[in-house]
């Protein structure tokens, strides 16, 4: 059977952002924390935040338990606006106070160019951190906007 080879026309999405996110359980408590986030994330996606084009759940590994998602956003501004709003803002503030036995990371890719990432309490180096120099996410490296030079 011949291959049905297709592609996509992204011309209507000049500011497209693709972001991969992951949460890694660092303990039994972390596994429970990770599993509790599933319904919260589903509810946030079902609310159809402006600019979210697609959400896909992903499973990275069983040991350690490591799950996440890939999302497609119309623009960084819409992604950033959602990240600064509820419920995401509360999740982030709570995580920074207590990781719940987890590590978190994300990597973002911008159609107009640029990439950025952050890794919080991740064990083994993954993604960009497996080959590029790792630096503290402070000062000019604190926010996604600053890391991506947007």
Protein backbone atom coordinates (compact mmCIF):
# COMPACT_ATOMS: atom_id res chain seq x y z
CA UNK A 1 0.00 0.00 0.00
CA UNK A 2 1.32 3.43 -0.94
CA UNK A 3 2.03 5.98 1.77
CA UNK A 4 -0.53 8.78 2.11
CA UNK A 5 1.97 11.58 2.78
CA UNK A 6 0.47 14.86 4.07
CA UNK A 7 1.64 18.06 5.67
CA UNK A 8 0.01 21.13 7.22
CA UNK A 9 -0.36 24.77 6.20
CA UNK A 10 0.58 26.80 9.30
CA UNK A 11 0.31 30.17 7.55
CA UNK A 12 -2.74 31.08 9.70
CA UNK A 13 -0.62 30.54 12.85
CA UNK A 14 2.41 32.83 12.54
CA UNK A 15 2.83 33.10 16.33
CA UNK A 16 2.29 29.41 17.13
CA UNK A 17 3.88 28.09 20.33
CA UNK A 18 4.31 24.41 21.10
CA UNK A 19 4.99 23.60 24.74
CA UNK A 20 5.84 20.28 26.32
CA UNK A 21 5.29 19.99 30.06
CA UNK A 22 6.13 17.21 32.46
CA UNK A 23 5.75 16.28 36.10
CA UNK A 24 7.98 13.62 37.60
CA UNK A 25 7.11 11.85 40.85
CA UNK A 26 10.08 11.99 43.23
CA UNK A 27 8.36 9.93 45.95
CA UNK A 28 5.11 8.11 46.73
CA UNK A 29 3.67 11.48 47.77
CA UNK A 30 4.78 12.77 44.37
CA UNK A 31 2.93 9.99 42.57
CA UNK A 32 -0.26 10.99 44.38
CA UNK A 33 0.36 14.68 43.58
CA UNK A 34 0.87 13.87 39.90
CA UNK A 35 -2.28 11.75 39.71
CA UNK A 36 -4.37 14.43 41.46
CA UNK A 37 -3.41 16.95 38.77
CA UNK A 38 -5.12 14.99 35.98
CA UNK A 39 -8.68 16.14 36.78
CA UNK A 40 -7.51 19.71 37.46
CA UNK A 41 -5.79 19.92 34.08
CA UNK A 42 -8.78 18.34 32.32
CA UNK A 43 -11.08 20.98 33.86
CA UNK A 44 -8.70 23.78 32.81
CA UNK A 45 -8.59 22.48 29.22
CA UNK A 46 -12.36 21.95 29.13
CA UNK A 47 -12.76 25.64 30.05
CA UNK A 48 -11.26 26.38 26.59
CA UNK A 49 -8.76 29.09 27.49
CA UNK A 50 -8.36 31.67 24.71
CA UNK A 51 -5.54 30.69 22.38
CA UNK A 52 -5.27 27.02 23.33
CA UNK A 53 -5.54 25.19 20.02
CA UNK A 54 -4.81 21.63 21.17
CA UNK A 55 -3.98 19.72 24.35
CA UNK A 56 -2.54 16.20 24.33
CA UNK A 57 -1.70 14.12 27.41
CA UNK A 58 1.60 12.26 27.31
CA UNK A 59 3.17 9.49 29.32
CA UNK A 60 6.96 9.62 29.61
CA UNK A 61 7.84 6.75 31.97
CA UNK A 62 6.56 4.45 34.68
CA UNK A 63 9.72 4.43 36.85
CA UNK A 64 9.94 7.15 37.86
CA UNK A 65 6.28 7.97 37.23
CA UNK A 66 6.53 10.81 34.73
CA UNK A 67 3.55 12.24 32.87
CA UNK A 68 2.82 15.43 31.05
CA UNK A 69 1.29 17.09 28.06
CA UNK A 70 1.91 18.86 24.79
CA UNK A 71 -0.03 22.00 24.02
CA UNK A 72 -0.36 24.18 20.95
CA UNK A 73 -1.10 27.87 21.59
CA UNK A 74 -2.00 30.51 19.02
CA UNK A 75 0.53 32.92 20.57
CA UNK A 76 2.91 33.32 23.48
CA UNK A 77 0.83 36.25 24.74
CA UNK A 78 -2.23 33.98 25.11
CA UNK A 79 -0.19 31.25 26.78
CA UNK A 80 1.41 33.78 29.13
CA UNK A 81 -1.94 35.37 29.95
CA UNK A 82 -3.38 31.96 30.88
CA UNK A 83 -0.29 31.10 32.95
CA UNK A 84 -0.75 34.29 34.98
CA UNK A 85 -4.47 33.65 35.57
CA UNK A 86 -6.38 31.25 37.80
CA UNK A 87 -6.16 28.31 38.23
CA UNK A 88 -2.62 28.10 36.81
CA UNK A 89 -1.27 30.94 38.95
CA UNK A 90 -2.46 29.21 42.12
CA UNK A 91 -0.96 25.89 41.02
CA UNK A 92 2.40 27.56 40.42
CA UNK A 93 2.44 29.49 43.71
CA UNK A 94 1.50 26.31 45.60
CA UNK A 95 4.21 24.30 43.79
CA UNK A 96 6.88 26.84 44.70
CA UNK A 97 5.88 26.51 48.38
CA UNK A 98 5.73 22.68 48.32
CA UNK A 99 6.50 20.50 45.30
CA UNK A 100 4.34 17.70 46.69
CA UNK A 101 7.20 15.27 46.04
CA UNK A 102 7.40 16.11 42.33
CA UNK A 103 9.67 17.74 39.83
CA UNK A 104 8.32 19.89 36.99
CA UNK A 105 9.68 21.01 33.63
CA UNK A 106 8.63 22.58 30.37
CA UNK A 107 10.18 23.28 26.99
CA UNK A 108 8.63 25.78 24.59
CA UNK A 109 9.22 26.19 20.85
CA UNK A 110 8.19 29.32 18.93
CA UNK A 111 7.32 29.34 15.24
CA UNK A 112 8.86 32.79 14.86
CA UNK A 113 12.06 31.41 16.32
CA UNK A 114 13.46 30.71 19.73
CA UNK A 115 13.13 28.10 22.40
CA UNK A 116 13.18 28.14 26.17
CA UNK A 117 12.93 25.74 29.07
CA UNK A 118 12.81 25.44 32.85
CA UNK A 119 13.48 22.42 35.08
CA UNK A 120 12.43 22.39 38.74
CA UNK A 121 13.63 19.50 40.93
CA UNK A 122 14.12 17.13 37.99
CA UNK A 123 16.39 14.15 38.67
CA UNK A 124 18.05 12.97 35.47
CA UNK A 125 18.82 15.61 32.89
CA UNK A 126 16.33 15.57 30.04
CA UNK A 127 15.58 17.58 26.92
CA UNK A 128 17.81 20.60 26.42
CA UNK A 129 19.36 20.03 29.87
CA UNK A 130 20.83 16.74 28.65
CA UNK A 131 23.20 18.50 26.25
CA UNK A 132 23.26 22.28 26.89
CA UNK A 133 24.82 24.11 29.85
CA UNK A 134 22.40 24.37 32.80
CA UNK A 135 22.25 27.74 34.55
CA UNK A 136 20.16 29.01 37.50
CA UNK A 137 16.68 30.26 36.52
CA UNK A 138 17.14 33.59 38.30
CA UNK A 139 17.44 37.20 37.19
CA UNK A 140 17.29 37.42 33.38
CA UNK A 141 16.60 33.65 33.18
CA UNK A 142 13.59 33.70 35.56
CA UNK A 143 10.61 34.03 33.19
CA UNK A 144 9.79 32.25 29.94
CA UNK A 145 9.55 35.65 28.22
CA UNK A 146 13.07 36.56 29.31
CA UNK A 147 14.54 33.13 28.49
CA UNK A 148 13.03 33.26 24.98
CA UNK A 149 14.07 36.91 24.44
CA UNK A 150 10.48 37.93 23.63
